[in-house]
Amino acid sequence: MFEKVHDWDFTRKVLNSQGLILLNFWTSWCDECQSVSKHLCEILSRAGNKVQIFKTDWDSQRKLSEKLNVYGVPTLLLFKKGKLIRRYSGVLTTEELLKIIKKNSELDFISNGVKNL
């Protein structure tokens, strides 16, 4: 369902990406993480062409978690063109996530001069 990211492939999959990336730090024992996963599945079906979603197991990827200052779950990190632009902790609804994705994908159109003001 969601592609996984590890400390050894983080740079290639996330930092070298030119698109919008949502990185989900989760654990199998976290009930809130399961709720976030359901929302992310909905995001894939409704906005999968605007954002790429990856999952990282917080328990097994401690090195990456520490590098990105992720000390609790669920945590969502939003990257754009390889740069961390937003950090969210806790559960966000599908609608909240869609607004975030829309806002950050539209910024590309404005900055590239495609959108006329």
PDB file of N, CA and C in Angstrom:
ATOM      1  N   MET A   1       0.822  -1.189   0.000  1.00  0.00           N
ATOM      2  CA  MET A   1       0.000   0.000   0.000  1.00  0.00           C
ATOM      3  C   MET A   1       0.870   1.259   0.000  1.00  0.00           C
ATOM      4  N   PHE A   2       1.613   1.502   1.068  1.00  0.00           N
ATOM      5  CA  PHE A   2       2.515   2.649   1.123  1.00  0.00           C
ATOM      6  C   PHE A   2       3.949   2.150   1.047  1.00  0.00           C
ATOM      7  N   GLU A   3       4.739   2.819   0.250  1.00  0.00           N
ATOM      8  CA  GLU A   3       6.150   2.463   0.160  1.00  0.00           C
ATOM      9  C   GLU A   3       6.844   2.883   1.447  1.00  0.00           C
ATOM     10  N   LYS A   4       7.778   2.061   1.891  1.00  0.00           N
ATOM     11  CA  LYS A   4       8.508   2.352   3.127  1.00  0.00           C
ATOM     12  C   LYS A   4       9.789   3.120   2.845  1.00  0.00           C
ATOM     13  N   VAL A   5      10.181   3.931   3.826  1.00  0.00           N
ATOM     14  CA  VAL A   5      11.439   4.665   3.764  1.00  0.00           C
ATOM     15  C   VAL A   5      12.276   4.248   4.965  1.00  0.00           C
ATOM     16  N   HIS A   6      13.551   4.021   4.721  1.00  0.00           N
ATOM     17  CA  HIS A   6      14.497   3.634   5.775  1.00  0.00           C
ATOM     18  C   HIS A   6      15.596   4.681   5.841  1.00  0.00           C
ATOM     19  N   ASP A   7      16.402   4.610   6.886  1.00  0.00           N
ATOM     20  CA  ASP A   7      17.493   5.588   7.002  1.00  0.00           C
ATOM     21  C   ASP A   7      18.446   5.498   5.810  1.00  0.00           C
ATOM     22  N   TRP A   8      18.609   4.312   5.230  1.00  0.00           N
ATOM     23  CA  TRP A   8      19.560   4.140   4.135  1.00  0.00           C
ATOM     24  C   TRP A   8      19.025   4.586   2.764  1.00  0.00           C
ATOM     25  N   ASP A   9      17.691   4.743   2.599  1.00  0.00           N
ATOM     26  CA  ASP A   9      17.183   5.194   1.301  1.00  0.00           C
ATOM     27  C   ASP A   9      16.403   6.516   1.389  1.00  0.00           C
ATOM     28  N   PHE A  10      16.441   7.152   2.544  1.00  0.00           N
ATOM     29  CA  PHE A  10      15.744   8.414   2.761  1.00  0.00           C
ATOM     30  C   PHE A  10      16.200   9.500   1.778  1.00  0.00           C
ATOM     31  N   THR A  11      17.491   9.651   1.594  1.00  0.00           N
ATOM     32  CA  THR A  11      18.005  10.686   0.702  1.00  0.00           C
ATOM     33  C   THR A  11      17.513  10.467  -0.728  1.00  0.00           C
ATOM     34  N   ARG A  12      17.607   9.246  -1.205  1.00  0.00           N
ATOM     35  CA  ARG A  12      17.200   8.941  -2.582  1.00  0.00           C
ATOM     36  C   ARG A  12      15.692   9.138  -2.779  1.00  0.00           C
ATOM     37  N   LYS A  13      14.880   8.644  -1.849  1.00  0.00           N
ATOM     38  CA  LYS A  13      13.432   8.682  -2.033  1.00  0.00           C
ATOM     39  C   LYS A  13      12.794  10.029  -1.682  1.00  0.00           C
ATOM     40  N   VAL A  14      13.339  10.706  -0.685  1.00  0.00           N
ATOM     41  CA  VAL A  14      12.688  11.927  -0.193  1.00  0.00           C
ATOM     42  C   VAL A  14      13.466  13.187  -0.555  1.00  0.00           C
ATOM     43  N   LEU A  15      14.713  13.250  -0.148  1.00  0.00           N
ATOM     44  CA  LEU A  15      15.485  14.475  -0.357  1.00  0.00           C
ATOM     45  C   LEU A  15      15.787  14.750  -1.827  1.00  0.00           C
ATOM     46  N   ASN A  16      15.907  13.707  -2.626  1.00  0.00           N
ATOM     47  CA  ASN A  16      16.184  13.892  -4.050  1.00  0.00           C
ATOM     48  C   ASN A  16      14.919  14.036  -4.897  1.00  0.00           C
ATOM     49  N   SER A  17      13.769  13.992  -4.261  1.00  0.00           N
ATOM     50  CA  SER A  17      12.501  14.108  -4.980  1.00  0.00           C
ATOM     51  C   SER A  17      12.220  15.556  -5.358  1.00  0.00           C
ATOM     52  N   GLN A  18      11.615  15.739  -6.502  1.00  0.00           N
ATOM     53  CA  GLN A  18      11.214  17.077  -6.945  1.00  0.00           C
ATOM     54  C   GLN A  18       9.739  17.352  -6.671  1.00  0.00           C
ATOM     55  N   GLY A  19       9.048  16.377  -6.130  1.00  0.00           N
ATOM     56  CA  GLY A  19       7.622  16.522  -5.882  1.00  0.00           C
ATOM     57  C   GLY A  19       7.289  16.787  -4.428  1.00  0.00           C
ATOM     58  N   LEU A  20       6.007  16.617  -4.113  1.00  0.00           N
ATOM     59  CA  LEU A  20       5.490  16.768  -2.767  1.00  0.00           C
ATOM     60  C   LEU A  20       5.466  15.393  -2.107  1.00  0.00           C
ATOM     61  N   ILE A  21       6.109  15.279  -0.954  1.00  0.00           N
ATOM     62  CA  ILE A  21       6.233  14.009  -0.231  1.00  0.00           C
ATOM     63  C   ILE A  21       5.642  14.164   1.168  1.00  0.00           C
ATOM     64  N   LEU A  22       4.795  13.218   1.552  1.00  0.00           N
ATOM     65  CA  LEU A  22       4.282  13.157   2.915  1.00  0.00           C
ATOM     66  C   LEU A  22       4.868  11.909   3.560  1.00  0.00           C
ATOM     67  N   LEU A  23       5.668  12.103   4.592  1.00  0.00           N
ATOM     68  CA  LEU A  23       6.338  10.998   5.284  1.00  0.00           C
ATOM     69  C   LEU A  23       5.649  10.758   6.609  1.00  0.00           C
ATOM     70  N   ASN A  24       5.104   9.570   6.781  1.00  0.00           N
ATOM     71  CA  ASN A  24       4.325   9.195   7.963  1.00  0.00           C
ATOM     72  C   ASN A  24       5.173   8.333   8.899  1.00  0.00           C
ATOM     73  N   PHE A  25       5.470   8.852  10.076  1.00  0.00           N
ATOM     74  CA  PHE A  25       6.130   8.058  11.121  1.00  0.00           C
ATOM     75  C   PHE A  25       5.041   7.418  11.962  1.00  0.00           C
ATOM     76  N   TRP A  26       5.111   6.103  12.106  1.00  0.00           N
ATOM     77  CA  TRP A  26       4.062   5.350  12.775  1.00  0.00           C
ATOM     78  C   TRP A  26       4.651   4.166  13.525  1.00  0.00           C
ATOM     79  N   THR A  27       3.829   3.473  14.300  1.00  0.00           N
ATOM     80  CA  THR A  27       4.179   2.191  14.906  1.00  0.00           C
ATOM     81  C   THR A  27       2.946   1.299  14.880  1.00  0.00           C
ATOM     82  N   SER A  28       3.153   0.018  14.952  1.00  0.00           N
ATOM     83  CA  SER A  28       2.039  -0.930  14.907  1.00  0.00           C
ATOM     84  C   SER A  28       1.203  -0.909  16.180  1.00  0.00           C
ATOM     85  N   TRP A  29       1.778  -0.478  17.293  1.00  0.00           N
ATOM     86  CA  TRP A  29       1.058  -0.483  18.575  1.00  0.00           C
ATOM     87  C   TRP A  29       0.298   0.810  18.849  1.00  0.00           C
ATOM     88  N   CYS A  30       0.386   1.781  17.975  1.00  0.00           N
ATOM     89  CA  CYS A  30      -0.219   3.099  18.177  1.00  0.00           C
ATOM     90  C   CYS A  30      -1.598   3.171  17.516  1.00  0.00           C
ATOM     91  N   ASP A  31      -2.655   3.300  18.327  1.00  0.00           N
ATOM     92  CA  ASP A  31      -4.018   3.386  17.791  1.00  0.00           C
ATOM     93  C   ASP A  31      -4.211   4.617  16.910  1.00  0.00           C
ATOM     94  N   GLU A  32      -3.658   5.752  17.321  1.00  0.00           N
ATOM     95  CA  GLU A  32      -3.783   6.969  16.512  1.00  0.00           C
ATOM     96  C   GLU A  32      -3.108   6.796  15.151  1.00  0.00           C
ATOM     97  N   CYS A  33      -2.009   6.041  15.132  1.00  0.00           N
ATOM     98  CA  CYS A  33      -1.302   5.788  13.866  1.00  0.00           C
ATOM     99  C   CYS A  33      -2.193   5.012  12.893  1.00  0.00           C
ATOM    100  N   GLN A  34      -2.982   4.088  13.419  1.00  0.00           N
ATOM    101  CA  GLN A  34      -3.893   3.325  12.568  1.00  0.00           C
ATOM    102  C   GLN A  34      -4.951   4.244  11.963  1.00  0.00           C
ATOM    103  N   SER A  35      -5.408   5.212  12.750  1.00  0.00           N
ATOM    104  CA  SER A  35      -6.371   6.192  12.256  1.00  0.00           C
ATOM    105  C   SER A  35      -5.765   7.045  11.153  1.00  0.00           C
ATOM    106  N   VAL A  36      -4.534   7.498  11.348  1.00  0.00           N
ATOM    107  CA  VAL A  36      -3.836   8.288  10.327  1.00  0.00           C
ATOM    108  C   VAL A  36      -3.699   7.476   9.041  1.00  0.00           C
ATOM    109  N   SER A  37      -3.369   6.205   9.158  1.00  0.00           N
ATOM    110  CA  SER A  37      -3.215   5.346   7.976  1.00  0.00           C
ATOM    111  C   SER A  37      -4.497   5.285   7.153  1.00  0.00           C
ATOM    112  N   LYS A  38      -5.646   5.229   7.836  1.00  0.00           N
ATOM    113  CA  LYS A  38      -6.929   5.213   7.122  1.00  0.00           C
ATOM    114  C   LYS A  38      -7.125   6.510   6.338  1.00  0.00           C
ATOM    115  N   HIS A  39      -6.785   7.633   6.961  1.00  0.00           N
ATOM    116  CA  HIS A  39      -6.903   8.921   6.275  1.00  0.00           C
ATOM    117  C   HIS A  39      -5.944   8.985   5.078  1.00  0.00           C
ATOM    118  N   LEU A  40      -4.750   8.456   5.249  1.00  0.00           N
ATOM    119  CA  LEU A  40      -3.766   8.479   4.162  1.00  0.00           C
ATOM    120  C   LEU A  40      -4.207   7.609   2.982  1.00  0.00           C
ATOM    121  N   CYS A  41      -4.896   6.511   3.262  1.00  0.00           N
ATOM    122  CA  CYS A  41      -5.446   5.679   2.181  1.00  0.00           C
ATOM    123  C   CYS A  41      -6.457   6.481   1.368  1.00  0.00           C
ATOM    124  N   GLU A  42      -7.276   7.240   2.062  1.00  0.00           N
ATOM    125  CA  GLU A  42      -8.254   8.091   1.382  1.00  0.00           C
ATOM    126  C   GLU A  42      -7.547   9.169   0.556  1.00  0.00           C
ATOM    127  N   ILE A  43      -6.471   9.713   1.096  1.00  0.00           N
ATOM    128  CA  ILE A  43      -5.695  10.728   0.376  1.00  0.00           C
ATOM    129  C   ILE A  43      -5.153  10.147  -0.934  1.00  0.00           C
ATOM    130  N   LEU A  44      -4.649   8.926  -0.876  1.00  0.00           N
ATOM    131  CA  LEU A  44      -4.121   8.290  -2.090  1.00  0.00           C
ATOM    132  C   LEU A  44      -5.188   8.185  -3.175  1.00  0.00           C
ATOM    133  N   SER A  45      -6.400   7.840  -2.763  1.00  0.00           N
ATOM    134  CA  SER A  45      -7.458   7.679  -3.760  1.00  0.00           C
ATOM    135  C   SER A  45      -7.957   9.020  -4.293  1.00  0.00           C
ATOM    136  N   ARG A  46      -7.838  10.077  -3.498  1.00  0.00           N
ATOM    137  CA  ARG A  46      -8.380  11.381  -3.908  1.00  0.00           C
ATOM    138  C   ARG A  46      -7.329  12.367  -4.421  1.00  0.00           C
ATOM    139  N   ALA A  47      -6.083  12.217  -3.999  1.00  0.00           N
ATOM    140  CA  ALA A  47      -5.047  13.193  -4.390  1.00  0.00           C
ATOM    141  C   ALA A  47      -3.704  12.529  -4.656  1.00  0.00           C
ATOM    142  N   GLY A  48      -3.727  11.261  -5.015  1.00  0.00           N
ATOM    143  CA  GLY A  48      -2.491  10.515  -5.231  1.00  0.00           C
ATOM    144  C   GLY A  48      -1.594  11.070  -6.314  1.00  0.00           C
ATOM    145  N   ASN A  49      -2.168  11.853  -7.229  1.00  0.00           N
ATOM    146  CA  ASN A  49      -1.344  12.438  -8.296  1.00  0.00           C
ATOM    147  C   ASN A  49      -0.629  13.711  -7.840  1.00  0.00           C
ATOM    148  N   LYS A  50      -0.984  14.250  -6.684  1.00  0.00           N
ATOM    149  CA  LYS A  50      -0.375  15.485  -6.194  1.00  0.00           C
ATOM    150  C   LYS A  50       0.682  15.253  -5.120  1.00  0.00           C
ATOM    151  N   VAL A  51       0.645  14.093  -4.482  1.00  0.00           N
ATOM    152  CA  VAL A  51       1.556  13.824  -3.367  1.00  0.00           C
ATOM    153  C   VAL A  51       1.962  12.352  -3.365  1.00  0.00           C
ATOM    154  N   GLN A  52       3.188  12.109  -2.957  1.00  0.00           N
ATOM    155  CA  GLN A  52       3.685  10.746  -2.767  1.00  0.00           C
ATOM    156  C   GLN A  52       3.741  10.509  -1.261  1.00  0.00           C
ATOM    157  N   ILE A  53       3.205   9.385  -0.812  1.00  0.00           N
ATOM    158  CA  ILE A  53       3.149   9.089   0.619  1.00  0.00           C
ATOM    159  C   ILE A  53       4.055   7.909   0.936  1.00  0.00           C
ATOM    160  N   PHE A  54       4.920   8.118   1.937  1.00  0.00           N
ATOM    161  CA  PHE A  54       5.802   7.066   2.429  1.00  0.00           C
ATOM    162  C   PHE A  54       5.539   6.830   3.906  1.00  0.00           C
ATOM    163  N   LYS A  55       5.820   5.610   4.358  1.00  0.00           N
ATOM    164  CA  LYS A  55       5.702   5.275   5.776  1.00  0.00           C
ATOM    165  C   LYS A  55       7.076   4.899   6.331  1.00  0.00           C
ATOM    166  N   THR A  56       7.296   5.256   7.581  1.00  0.00           N
ATOM    167  CA  THR A  56       8.520   4.886   8.287  1.00  0.00           C
ATOM    168  C   THR A  56       8.153   4.370   9.660  1.00  0.00           C
ATOM    169  N   ASP A  57       8.621   3.177   9.981  1.00  0.00           N
ATOM    170  CA  ASP A  57       8.372   2.594  11.299  1.00  0.00           C
ATOM    171  C   ASP A  57       9.278   3.275  12.328  1.00  0.00           C
ATOM    172  N   TRP A  58       8.654   4.040  13.196  1.00  0.00           N
ATOM    173  CA  TRP A  58       9.371   4.823  14.196  1.00  0.00           C
ATOM    174  C   TRP A  58      10.242   3.945  15.102  1.00  0.00           C
ATOM    175  N   ASP A  59       9.757   2.758  15.460  1.00  0.00           N
ATOM    176  CA  ASP A  59      10.507   1.853  16.340  1.00  0.00           C
ATOM    177  C   ASP A  59      11.771   1.310  15.683  1.00  0.00           C
ATOM    178  N   SER A  60      11.682   0.927  14.424  1.00  0.00           N
ATOM    179  CA  SER A  60      12.840   0.289  13.781  1.00  0.00           C
ATOM    180  C   SER A  60      13.751   1.280  13.060  1.00  0.00           C
ATOM    181  N   GLN A  61      13.306   2.494  12.868  1.00  0.00           N
ATOM    182  CA  GLN A  61      14.110   3.496  12.152  1.00  0.00           C
ATOM    183  C   GLN A  61      14.487   4.648  13.079  1.00  0.00           C
ATOM    184  N   ARG A  62      15.054   4.302  14.225  1.00  0.00           N
ATOM    185  CA  ARG A  62      15.413   5.311  15.237  1.00  0.00           C
ATOM    186  C   ARG A  62      16.438   6.322  14.726  1.00  0.00           C
ATOM    187  N   LYS A  63      17.377   5.872  13.928  1.00  0.00           N
ATOM    188  CA  LYS A  63      18.400   6.787  13.410  1.00  0.00           C
ATOM    189  C   LYS A  63      17.758   7.890  12.570  1.00  0.00           C
ATOM    190  N   LEU A  64      16.842   7.501  11.684  1.00  0.00           N
ATOM    191  CA  LEU A  64      16.144   8.477  10.852  1.00  0.00           C
ATOM    192  C   LEU A  64      15.229   9.353  11.704  1.00  0.00           C
ATOM    193  N   SER A  65      14.542   8.746  12.664  1.00  0.00           N
ATOM    194  CA  SER A  65      13.657   9.502  13.556  1.00  0.00           C
ATOM    195  C   SER A  65      14.429  10.581  14.309  1.00  0.00           C
ATOM    196  N   GLU A  66      15.584  10.232  14.817  1.00  0.00           N
ATOM    197  CA  GLU A  66      16.402  11.203  15.543  1.00  0.00           C
ATOM    198  C   GLU A  66      16.936  12.286  14.617  1.00  0.00           C
ATOM    199  N   LYS A  67      17.346  11.887  13.419  1.00  0.00           N
ATOM    200  CA  LYS A  67      17.871  12.848  12.449  1.00  0.00           C
ATOM    201  C   LYS A  67      16.830  13.917  12.116  1.00  0.00           C
ATOM    202  N   LEU A  68      15.554  13.500  12.066  1.00  0.00           N
ATOM    203  CA  LEU A  68      14.463  14.409  11.714  1.00  0.00           C
ATOM    204  C   LEU A  68      13.722  14.951  12.943  1.00  0.00           C
ATOM    205  N   ASN A  69      14.269  14.686  14.132  1.00  0.00           N
ATOM    206  CA  ASN A  69      13.671  15.163  15.391  1.00  0.00           C
ATOM    207  C   ASN A  69      12.231  14.697  15.570  1.00  0.00           C
ATOM    208  N   VAL A  70      11.993  13.444  15.273  1.00  0.00           N
ATOM    209  CA  VAL A  70      10.679  12.840  15.480  1.00  0.00           C
ATOM    210  C   VAL A  70      10.754  12.024  16.765  1.00  0.00           C
ATOM    211  N   TYR A  71      10.064  12.508  17.803  1.00  0.00           N
ATOM    212  CA  TYR A  71      10.155  11.869  19.112  1.00  0.00           C
ATOM    213  C   TYR A  71       8.834  11.276  19.580  1.00  0.00           C
ATOM    214  N   GLY A  72       7.835  11.271  18.712  1.00  0.00           N
ATOM    215  CA  GLY A  72       6.548  10.677  19.040  1.00  0.00           C
ATOM    216  C   GLY A  72       5.784  10.358  17.770  1.00  0.00           C
ATOM    217  N   VAL A  73       4.771   9.533  17.920  1.00  0.00           N
ATOM    218  CA  VAL A  73       3.944   9.143  16.778  1.00  0.00           C
ATOM    219  C   VAL A  73       2.473   9.344  17.132  1.00  0.00           C
ATOM    220  N   PRO A  74       1.647   9.566  16.143  1.00  0.00           N
ATOM    221  CA  PRO A  74       1.977   9.739  14.737  1.00  0.00           C
ATOM    222  C   PRO A  74       2.564  11.121  14.452  1.00  0.00           C
ATOM    223  N   THR A  75       3.508  11.156  13.522  1.00  0.00           N
ATOM    224  CA  THR A  75       4.084  12.414  13.040  1.00  0.00           C
ATOM    225  C   THR A  75       4.123  12.356  11.517  1.00  0.00           C
ATOM    226  N   LEU A  76       3.671  13.431  10.901  1.00  0.00           N
ATOM    227  CA  LEU A  76       3.710  13.560   9.448  1.00  0.00           C
ATOM    228  C   LEU A  76       4.648  14.696   9.094  1.00  0.00           C
ATOM    229  N   LEU A  77       5.558  14.427   8.167  1.00  0.00           N
ATOM    230  CA  LEU A  77       6.478  15.451   7.677  1.00  0.00           C
ATOM    231  C   LEU A  77       6.178  15.684   6.201  1.00  0.00           C
ATOM    232  N   LEU A  78       6.031  16.940   5.831  1.00  0.00           N
ATOM    233  CA  LEU A  78       5.752  17.291   4.447  1.00  0.00           C
ATOM    234  C   LEU A  78       7.008  17.896   3.829  1.00  0.00           C
ATOM    235  N   PHE A  79       7.463  17.286   2.740  1.00  0.00           N
ATOM    236  CA  PHE A  79       8.646  17.741   2.010  1.00  0.00           C
ATOM    237  C   PHE A  79       8.216  18.234   0.638  1.00  0.00           C
ATOM    238  N   LYS A  80       8.878  19.272   0.186  1.00  0.00           N
ATOM    239  CA  LYS A  80       8.644  19.781  -1.158  1.00  0.00           C
ATOM    240  C   LYS A  80      10.001  20.033  -1.796  1.00  0.00           C
ATOM    241  N   LYS A  81      10.214  19.389  -2.929  1.00  0.00           N
ATOM    242  CA  LYS A  81      11.489  19.496  -3.636  1.00  0.00           C
ATOM    243  C   LYS A  81      12.665  19.192  -2.703  1.00  0.00           C
ATOM    244  N   GLY A  82      12.480  18.174  -1.852  1.00  0.00           N
ATOM    245  CA  GLY A  82      13.545  17.723  -0.971  1.00  0.00           C
ATOM    246  C   GLY A  82      13.730  18.516   0.307  1.00  0.00           C
ATOM    247  N   LYS A  83      12.910  19.527   0.529  1.00  0.00           N
ATOM    248  CA  LYS A  83      13.029  20.365   1.731  1.00  0.00           C
ATOM    249  C   LYS A  83      11.839  20.125   2.658  1.00  0.00           C
ATOM    250  N   LEU A  84      12.112  20.001   3.936  1.00  0.00           N
ATOM    251  CA  LEU A  84      11.050  19.873   4.929  1.00  0.00           C
ATOM    252  C   LEU A  84      10.345  21.220   5.057  1.00  0.00           C
ATOM    253  N   ILE A  85       9.032  21.231   4.797  1.00  0.00           N
ATOM    254  CA  ILE A  85       8.299  22.495   4.857  1.00  0.00           C
ATOM    255  C   ILE A  85       7.245  22.527   5.962  1.00  0.00           C
ATOM    256  N   ARG A  86       6.774  21.374   6.439  1.00  0.00           N
ATOM    257  CA  ARG A  86       5.771  21.333   7.502  1.00  0.00           C
ATOM    258  C   ARG A  86       5.945  20.066   8.329  1.00  0.00           C
ATOM    259  N   ARG A  87       5.517  20.175   9.588  1.00  0.00           N
ATOM    260  CA  ARG A  87       5.561  19.054  10.528  1.00  0.00           C
ATOM    261  C   ARG A  87       4.229  19.024  11.261  1.00  0.00           C
ATOM    262  N   TYR A  88       3.628  17.844  11.351  1.00  0.00           N
ATOM    263  CA  TYR A  88       2.337  17.681  12.023  1.00  0.00           C
ATOM    264  C   TYR A  88       2.424  16.507  12.986  1.00  0.00           C
ATOM    265  N   SER A  89       1.945  16.705  14.198  1.00  0.00           N
ATOM    266  CA  SER A  89       1.886  15.628  15.191  1.00  0.00           C
ATOM    267  C   SER A  89       0.432  15.356  15.528  1.00  0.00           C
ATOM    268  N   GLY A  90       0.122  14.095  15.725  1.00  0.00           N
ATOM    269  CA  GLY A  90      -1.256  13.723  16.044  1.00  0.00           C
ATOM    270  C   GLY A  90      -2.040  13.377  14.793  1.00  0.00           C
ATOM    271  N   VAL A  91      -3.346  13.231  14.987  1.00  0.00           N
ATOM    272  CA  VAL A  91      -4.227  12.808  13.905  1.00  0.00           C
ATOM    273  C   VAL A  91      -4.795  14.020  13.174  1.00  0.00           C
ATOM    274  N   LEU A  92      -4.663  14.011  11.868  1.00  0.00           N
ATOM    275  CA  LEU A  92      -5.308  14.998  11.008  1.00  0.00           C
ATOM    276  C   LEU A  92      -6.379  14.274  10.197  1.00  0.00           C
ATOM    277  N   THR A  93      -7.498  14.931   9.963  1.00  0.00           N
ATOM    278  CA  THR A  93      -8.567  14.318   9.177  1.00  0.00           C
ATOM    279  C   THR A  93      -8.184  14.298   7.697  1.00  0.00           C
ATOM    280  N   THR A  94      -8.934  13.548   6.943  1.00  0.00           N
ATOM    281  CA  THR A  94      -8.716  13.499   5.498  1.00  0.00           C
ATOM    282  C   THR A  94      -8.869  14.889   4.896  1.00  0.00           C
ATOM    283  N   GLU A  95      -9.893  15.620   5.316  1.00  0.00           N
ATOM    284  CA  GLU A  95     -10.129  16.961   4.773  1.00  0.00           C
ATOM    285  C   GLU A  95      -8.994  17.917   5.125  1.00  0.00           C
ATOM    286  N   GLU A  96      -8.478  17.833   6.346  1.00  0.00           N
ATOM    287  CA  GLU A  96      -7.337  18.680   6.732  1.00  0.00           C
ATOM    288  C   GLU A  96      -6.120  18.362   5.872  1.00  0.00           C
ATOM    289  N   LEU A  97      -5.872  17.087   5.660  1.00  0.00           N
ATOM    290  CA  LEU A  97      -4.732  16.675   4.841  1.00  0.00           C
ATOM    291  C   LEU A  97      -4.902  17.114   3.385  1.00  0.00           C
ATOM    292  N   LEU A  98      -6.107  17.015   2.863  1.00  0.00           N
ATOM    293  CA  LEU A  98      -6.352  17.461   1.487  1.00  0.00           C
ATOM    294  C   LEU A  98      -6.098  18.960   1.336  1.00  0.00           C
ATOM    295  N   LYS A  99      -6.505  19.739   2.316  1.00  0.00           N
ATOM    296  CA  LYS A  99      -6.259  21.185   2.273  1.00  0.00           C
ATOM    297  C   LYS A  99      -4.761  21.485   2.277  1.00  0.00           C
ATOM    298  N   ILE A 100      -4.026  20.774   3.109  1.00  0.00           N
ATOM    299  CA  ILE A 100      -2.571  20.962   3.191  1.00  0.00           C
ATOM    300  C   ILE A 100      -1.917  20.623   1.859  1.00  0.00           C
ATOM    301  N   ILE A 101      -2.310  19.507   1.271  1.00  0.00           N
ATOM    302  CA  ILE A 101      -1.742  19.077  -0.002  1.00  0.00           C
ATOM    303  C   ILE A 101      -2.093  20.070  -1.106  1.00  0.00           C
ATOM    304  N   LYS A 102      -3.361  20.474  -1.150  1.00  0.00           N
ATOM    305  CA  LYS A 102      -3.788  21.429  -2.176  1.00  0.00           C
ATOM    306  C   LYS A 102      -3.014  22.740  -2.055  1.00  0.00           C
ATOM    307  N   LYS A 103      -2.919  23.254  -0.840  1.00  0.00           N
ATOM    308  CA  LYS A 103      -2.217  24.522  -0.626  1.00  0.00           C
ATOM    309  C   LYS A 103      -0.764  24.429  -1.087  1.00  0.00           C
ATOM    310  N   ASN A 104      -0.091  23.363  -0.735  1.00  0.00           N
ATOM    311  CA  ASN A 104       1.330  23.232  -1.049  1.00  0.00           C
ATOM    312  C   ASN A 104       1.595  22.825  -2.490  1.00  0.00           C
ATOM    313  N   SER A 105       0.657  22.175  -3.146  1.00  0.00           N
ATOM    314  CA  SER A 105       0.849  21.867  -4.561  1.00  0.00           C
ATOM    315  C   SER A 105       0.514  23.084  -5.415  1.00  0.00           C
ATOM    316  N   GLU A 106      -0.410  23.938  -4.978  1.00  0.00           N
ATOM    317  CA  GLU A 106      -0.738  25.167  -5.706  1.00  0.00           C
ATOM    318  C   GLU A 106       0.409  26.157  -5.672  1.00  0.00           C
ATOM    319  N   LEU A 107       1.184  26.160  -4.623  1.00  0.00           N
ATOM    320  CA  LEU A 107       2.306  27.084  -4.524  1.00  0.00           C
ATOM    321  C   LEU A 107       3.274  26.900  -5.675  1.00  0.00           C
ATOM    322  N   ASP A 108       3.393  25.675  -6.150  1.00  0.00           N
ATOM    323  CA  ASP A 108       4.245  25.411  -7.305  1.00  0.00           C
ATOM    324  C   ASP A 108       3.739  26.142  -8.536  1.00  0.00           C
ATOM    325  N   PHE A 109       2.441  26.101  -8.755  1.00  0.00           N
ATOM    326  CA  PHE A 109       1.866  26.742  -9.933  1.00  0.00           C
ATOM    327  C   PHE A 109       2.069  28.253  -9.869  1.00  0.00           C
ATOM    328  N   ILE A 110       1.890  28.828  -8.699  1.00  0.00           N
ATOM    329  CA  ILE A 110       2.062  30.265  -8.554  1.00  0.00           C
ATOM    330  C   ILE A 110       3.513  30.649  -8.781  1.00  0.00           C
ATOM    331  N   SER A 111       4.445  29.941  -8.135  1.00  0.00           N
ATOM    332  CA  SER A 111       5.843  30.302  -8.246  1.00  0.00           C
ATOM    333  C   SER A 111       6.406  30.055  -9.635  1.00  0.00           C
ATOM    334  N   ASN A 112       5.800  29.131 -10.390  1.00  0.00           N
ATOM    335  CA  ASN A 112       6.262  28.873 -11.752  1.00  0.00           C
ATOM    336  C   ASN A 112       5.585  29.768 -12.778  1.00  0.00           C
ATOM    337  N   GLY A 113       4.731  30.661 -12.317  1.00  0.00           N
ATOM    338  CA  GLY A 113       4.074  31.600 -13.201  1.00  0.00           C
ATOM    339  C   GLY A 113       2.943  31.016 -14.016  1.00  0.00           C
ATOM    340  N   VAL A 114       2.480  29.827 -13.689  1.00  0.00           N
ATOM    341  CA  VAL A 114       1.400  29.203 -14.429  1.00  0.00           C
ATOM    342  C   VAL A 114       0.056  29.818 -14.035  1.00  0.00           C
ATOM    343  N   LYS A 115      -0.096  30.147 -12.778  1.00  0.00           N
ATOM    344  CA  LYS A 115      -1.365  30.700 -12.303  1.00  0.00           C
ATOM    345  C   LYS A 115      -1.350  32.217 -12.473  1.00  0.00           C
ATOM    346  N   ASN A 116      -2.330  32.734 -13.149  1.00  0.00           N
ATOM    347  CA  ASN A 116      -2.457  34.178 -13.341  1.00  0.00           C
ATOM    348  C   ASN A 116      -3.198  34.783 -12.169  1.00  0.00           C
ATOM    349  N   LEU A 117      -2.681  35.870 -11.650  1.00  0.00           N
ATOM    350  CA  LEU A 117      -3.338  36.560 -10.532  1.00  0.00           C
ATOM    351  C   LEU A 117      -4.149  37.719 -11.025  1.00  0.00           C
TER     352      LEU A 117
END
